[in-house]
Protein backbone atom coordinates (compact mmCIF):
# COMPACT_ATOMS: atom_id res chain seq x y z
CA UNK A 1 14.67 7.00 3.28
CA UNK A 2 17.51 4.50 2.79
CA UNK A 3 17.60 0.72 3.05
CA UNK A 4 20.56 -1.62 2.53
CA UNK A 5 20.22 -4.79 0.44
CA UNK A 6 22.56 -7.46 -0.86
CA UNK A 7 22.29 -9.63 -3.95
CA UNK A 8 21.46 -13.28 -3.39
CA UNK A 9 21.05 -16.47 -5.36
CA UNK A 10 17.53 -17.60 -6.18
CA UNK A 11 16.15 -20.23 -3.80
CA UNK A 12 17.27 -21.17 -0.28
CA UNK A 13 15.07 -18.43 1.18
CA UNK A 14 14.24 -20.38 4.34
CA UNK A 15 17.87 -20.16 5.46
CA UNK A 16 17.84 -16.41 4.87
CA UNK A 17 14.73 -15.99 7.00
CA UNK A 18 16.30 -17.97 9.84
CA UNK A 19 19.16 -15.44 9.76
CA UNK A 20 16.66 -12.58 10.13
CA UNK A 21 16.82 -11.52 6.48
CA UNK A 22 13.89 -10.92 4.15
CA UNK A 23 14.21 -12.18 0.56
CA UNK A 24 12.98 -9.98 -2.23
CA UNK A 25 13.28 -8.88 -5.83
CA UNK A 26 14.05 -5.51 -7.45
CA UNK A 27 12.45 -5.21 -10.88
CA UNK A 28 11.17 -3.10 -13.74
CA UNK A 29 10.96 -3.68 -17.48
CA UNK A 30 14.76 -3.79 -17.78
CA UNK A 31 15.86 -5.04 -14.36
CA UNK A 32 15.38 -8.15 -12.25
CA UNK A 33 17.61 -8.59 -9.19
CA UNK A 34 17.15 -11.11 -6.39
CA UNK A 35 18.11 -9.48 -3.08
CA UNK A 36 17.70 -9.73 0.66
CA UNK A 37 17.31 -7.03 3.32
CA UNK A 38 17.59 -7.08 7.10
CA UNK A 39 14.11 -7.92 8.42
CA UNK A 40 14.17 -5.38 11.25
CA UNK A 41 15.47 -2.59 9.01
CA UNK A 42 12.76 -3.31 6.46
CA UNK A 43 10.09 -3.24 9.16
CA UNK A 44 11.18 0.24 10.28
CA UNK A 45 11.30 1.60 6.73
CA UNK A 46 8.02 0.01 5.68
CA UNK A 47 6.18 1.35 8.72
CA UNK A 48 7.38 4.83 7.78
CA UNK A 49 7.13 4.74 3.99
CA UNK A 50 4.42 2.17 3.22
CA UNK A 51 3.77 1.38 -0.44
CA UNK A 52 3.50 4.97 -1.68
CA UNK A 53 6.85 6.58 -0.84
CA UNK A 54 10.23 6.31 -2.53
CA UNK A 55 12.92 4.25 -0.79
CA UNK A 56 16.59 4.57 -1.78
CA UNK A 57 17.64 0.92 -1.91
CA UNK A 58 21.41 0.41 -1.86
CA UNK A 59 22.39 -2.87 -3.54
CA UNK A 60 26.11 -3.70 -3.51
CA UNK A 61 27.22 -0.14 -4.29
CA UNK A 62 24.35 0.84 -6.60
CA UNK A 63 21.35 2.82 -5.36
CA UNK A 64 17.88 2.25 -6.84
CA UNK A 65 14.86 4.47 -6.18
CA UNK A 66 12.14 1.92 -5.44
CA UNK A 67 8.56 1.53 -4.29
CA UNK A 68 7.36 -1.43 -2.23
CA UNK A 69 4.90 -3.03 -4.63
CA UNK A 70 3.93 -6.09 -2.63
CA UNK A 71 4.76 -7.85 0.63
CA UNK A 72 3.92 -11.52 1.02
CA UNK A 73 2.92 -12.18 4.64
CA UNK A 74 2.89 -15.27 6.84
CA UNK A 75 -0.81 -15.32 7.82
CA UNK A 76 -0.26 -17.16 11.09
CA UNK A 77 2.72 -15.21 12.44
CA UNK A 78 1.92 -11.95 10.60
CA UNK A 79 5.54 -11.61 9.48
CA UNK A 80 6.85 -10.60 6.03
CA UNK A 81 7.99 -13.53 3.90
CA UNK A 82 8.97 -11.83 0.64
CA UNK A 83 9.01 -8.29 -0.77
CA UNK A 84 8.76 -6.96 -4.32
CA UNK A 85 10.54 -3.62 -4.94
CA UNK A 86 9.63 -1.76 -8.15
CA UNK A 87 12.58 0.30 -9.43
CA UNK A 88 11.30 3.62 -10.77
CA UNK A 89 12.93 5.49 -13.64
CA UNK A 90 13.72 9.15 -13.05
CA UNK A 91 11.64 11.38 -15.31
CA UNK A 92 8.94 8.77 -15.90
CA UNK A 93 5.56 8.76 -14.18
CA UNK A 94 4.46 5.79 -12.05
CA UNK A 95 1.06 4.44 -11.06
CA UNK A 96 0.66 4.28 -7.29
CA UNK A 97 -2.03 3.76 -4.64
CA UNK A 98 -1.86 6.56 -2.05
CA UNK A 99 -3.42 5.90 1.40
CA UNK A 100 -6.34 8.04 2.54
CA UNK A 101 -6.31 8.98 6.23
CA UNK A 102 -9.55 10.14 7.87
CA UNK A 103 -9.30 12.96 10.41
CA UNK A 104 -11.90 14.37 12.79
CA UNK A 105 -15.28 13.11 14.02
CA UNK A 106 -18.21 13.64 11.67
CA UNK A 107 -21.12 15.71 13.01
CA UNK A 108 -23.42 12.91 11.87
CA UNK A 109 -21.55 10.41 14.05
CA UNK A 110 -22.20 12.61 17.08
CA UNK A 111 -25.89 12.43 16.14
CA UNK A 112 -25.86 8.62 16.26
CA UNK A 113 -24.79 7.75 12.75
CA UNK A 114 -21.68 5.87 11.66
CA UNK A 115 -18.82 6.62 9.28
CA UNK A 116 -18.90 3.95 6.56
CA UNK A 117 -15.52 3.88 4.78
CA UNK A 118 -15.63 2.35 1.29
CA UNK A 119 -12.16 3.24 0.04
CA UNK A 120 -8.88 3.74 1.90
CA UNK A 121 -6.64 4.76 -0.99
CA UNK A 122 -6.64 6.66 -4.27
CA UNK A 123 -4.97 5.41 -7.46
CA UNK A 124 -2.93 8.07 -9.26
CA UNK A 125 -0.24 8.61 -11.90
CA UNK A 126 2.53 10.99 -10.89
CA UNK A 127 6.27 11.62 -11.02
CA UNK A 128 8.07 9.44 -8.43
CA UNK A 129 9.42 12.25 -6.24
CA UNK A 130 5.99 13.93 -6.07
CA UNK A 131 4.18 10.92 -4.59
CA UNK A 132 2.45 11.98 -1.36
CA UNK A 133 2.91 9.70 1.64
CA UNK A 134 -0.85 9.91 2.29
CA UNK A 135 -3.91 12.13 1.82
CA UNK A 136 -5.67 13.60 4.88
CA UNK A 137 -9.47 13.93 4.63
CA UNK A 138 -11.29 16.01 7.28
CA UNK A 139 -14.81 14.65 7.96
CA UNK A 140 -15.80 16.94 10.86
CA UNK A 141 -18.47 18.85 8.91
CA UNK A 142 -20.24 15.79 7.49
CA UNK A 143 -23.83 15.14 8.61
CA UNK A 144 -25.88 11.96 8.14
CA UNK A 145 -26.29 11.30 4.44
CA UNK A 146 -23.16 13.18 3.38
CA UNK A 147 -20.48 11.45 1.27
CA UNK A 148 -17.01 12.18 -0.01
CA UNK A 149 -16.05 10.99 -3.50
CA UNK A 150 -12.73 10.68 -5.32
CA UNK A 151 -13.42 13.96 -7.15
CA UNK A 152 -13.69 15.75 -3.79
CA UNK A 153 -10.06 15.04 -2.86
CA UNK A 154 -8.49 16.03 -6.20
CA UNK A 155 -7.38 19.38 -4.74
CA UNK A 156 -5.44 17.54 -1.99
CA UNK A 157 -3.20 15.82 -4.56
CA UNK A 158 -0.16 17.30 -6.32
CA UNK A 159 -1.24 19.45 -9.27
CA UNK A 160 0.84 17.22 -11.57
CA UNK A 161 -0.98 14.04 -10.51
CA UNK A 162 -3.57 12.34 -12.72
CA UNK A 163 -6.31 10.38 -10.95
CA UNK A 164 -6.80 6.89 -12.39
CA UNK A 165 -9.82 6.00 -10.24
CA UNK A 166 -13.42 6.74 -11.21
CA UNK A 167 -14.02 10.30 -9.97
CA UNK A 168 -17.55 9.39 -8.86
CA UNK A 169 -16.35 6.52 -6.68
CA UNK A 170 -17.41 6.90 -3.04
CA UNK A 171 -14.67 7.11 -0.42
CA UNK A 172 -16.89 7.34 2.66
CA UNK A 173 -20.46 8.06 3.77
CA UNK A 174 -22.11 8.97 7.08
CA UNK A 175 -24.96 6.47 7.37
CA UNK A 176 -28.02 6.64 9.67
CA UNK A 177 -28.33 4.41 12.78
CA UNK A 178 -30.83 1.89 11.32
CA UNK A 179 -28.61 1.26 8.31
CA UNK A 180 -25.62 0.77 10.61
CA UNK A 181 -27.43 -1.99 12.51
CA UNK A 182 -28.49 -3.74 9.29
CA UNK A 183 -24.95 -3.69 7.88
CA UNK A 184 -23.46 -5.06 11.12
CA UNK A 185 -25.93 -7.94 11.08
CA UNK A 186 -25.15 -8.75 7.44
CA UNK A 187 -21.40 -8.68 8.13
CA UNK A 188 -21.78 -11.06 11.09
CA UNK A 189 -23.86 -13.49 9.02
CA UNK A 190 -21.34 -13.42 6.18
CA UNK A 191 -18.46 -14.22 8.56
CA UNK A 192 -16.25 -11.44 7.26
CA UNK A 193 -12.73 -10.78 8.54
CA UNK A 194 -10.41 -13.18 6.69
CA UNK A 195 -6.79 -12.06 7.05
CA UNK A 196 -5.13 -10.89 3.81
CA UNK A 197 -2.04 -12.72 2.56
CA UNK A 198 -0.61 -9.77 0.62
CA UNK A 199 0.07 -6.13 1.36
CA UNK A 200 0.32 -3.75 -1.55
CA UNK A 201 -0.64 -4.20 -5.19
CA UNK A 202 0.68 -6.09 -8.14
CA UNK A 203 2.17 -3.65 -10.63
CA UNK A 204 -0.55 -2.37 -12.97
CA UNK A 205 1.05 -2.21 -16.40
CA UNK A 206 4.55 -2.64 -14.97
CA UNK A 207 4.99 -6.40 -14.86
CA UNK A 208 5.35 -8.26 -11.59
CA UNK A 209 8.70 -9.40 -10.23
CA UNK A 210 9.57 -12.88 -11.41
CA UNK A 211 10.87 -14.05 -8.06
CA UNK A 212 7.76 -13.37 -5.96
CA UNK A 213 6.68 -17.00 -6.17
CA UNK A 214 10.11 -18.64 -6.11
CA UNK A 215 10.47 -22.10 -4.60
CA UNK A 216 11.67 -22.24 -1.04
CA UNK A 217 14.84 -24.20 -0.53
CA UNK A 218 16.28 -25.49 2.72
């Protein structure tokens, strides 16, 4: 999927946002460009591609294959404020978090249990063009007490991918009714539900973009 960007000077990002543009940075170990993209165009592309699919970012005549590494959000308005694009190098593997999508209704849920999801993504190393948009996990056959672990979804990934997560890590479990009630009470007492400020992940072993925390200028 393609997205147009233009180079910009560092700072003065508030003026860009008022014009409907989203400031960002394109980076890797040898590159660091400050850019801006149309906010509406980015929203469409990001909804489709997320943080695990390659975007062809055109910057003033040059095209860079990039991943969205991190999006800084305005917590109050829930609007993007800044985006970090990681420029991948053809022929070199990248580390990426691939979303896990749950499909079906577990048999144990029909019996009164609840699907307790611990993990919504898997961390892998793979060639850029082989990155899956997401992994679909069918839970229909699970009864109360059943779990799915990272090792169980290895066959759903590209054969060339290397899993970087602990293979024994639990993705989801069907828990019995009593445990469901206890966990809901604990969550209510803890006052969970704080909105996140960031979407995506800082680059593991890749170096974060230098402009992600730039000063806002008027």
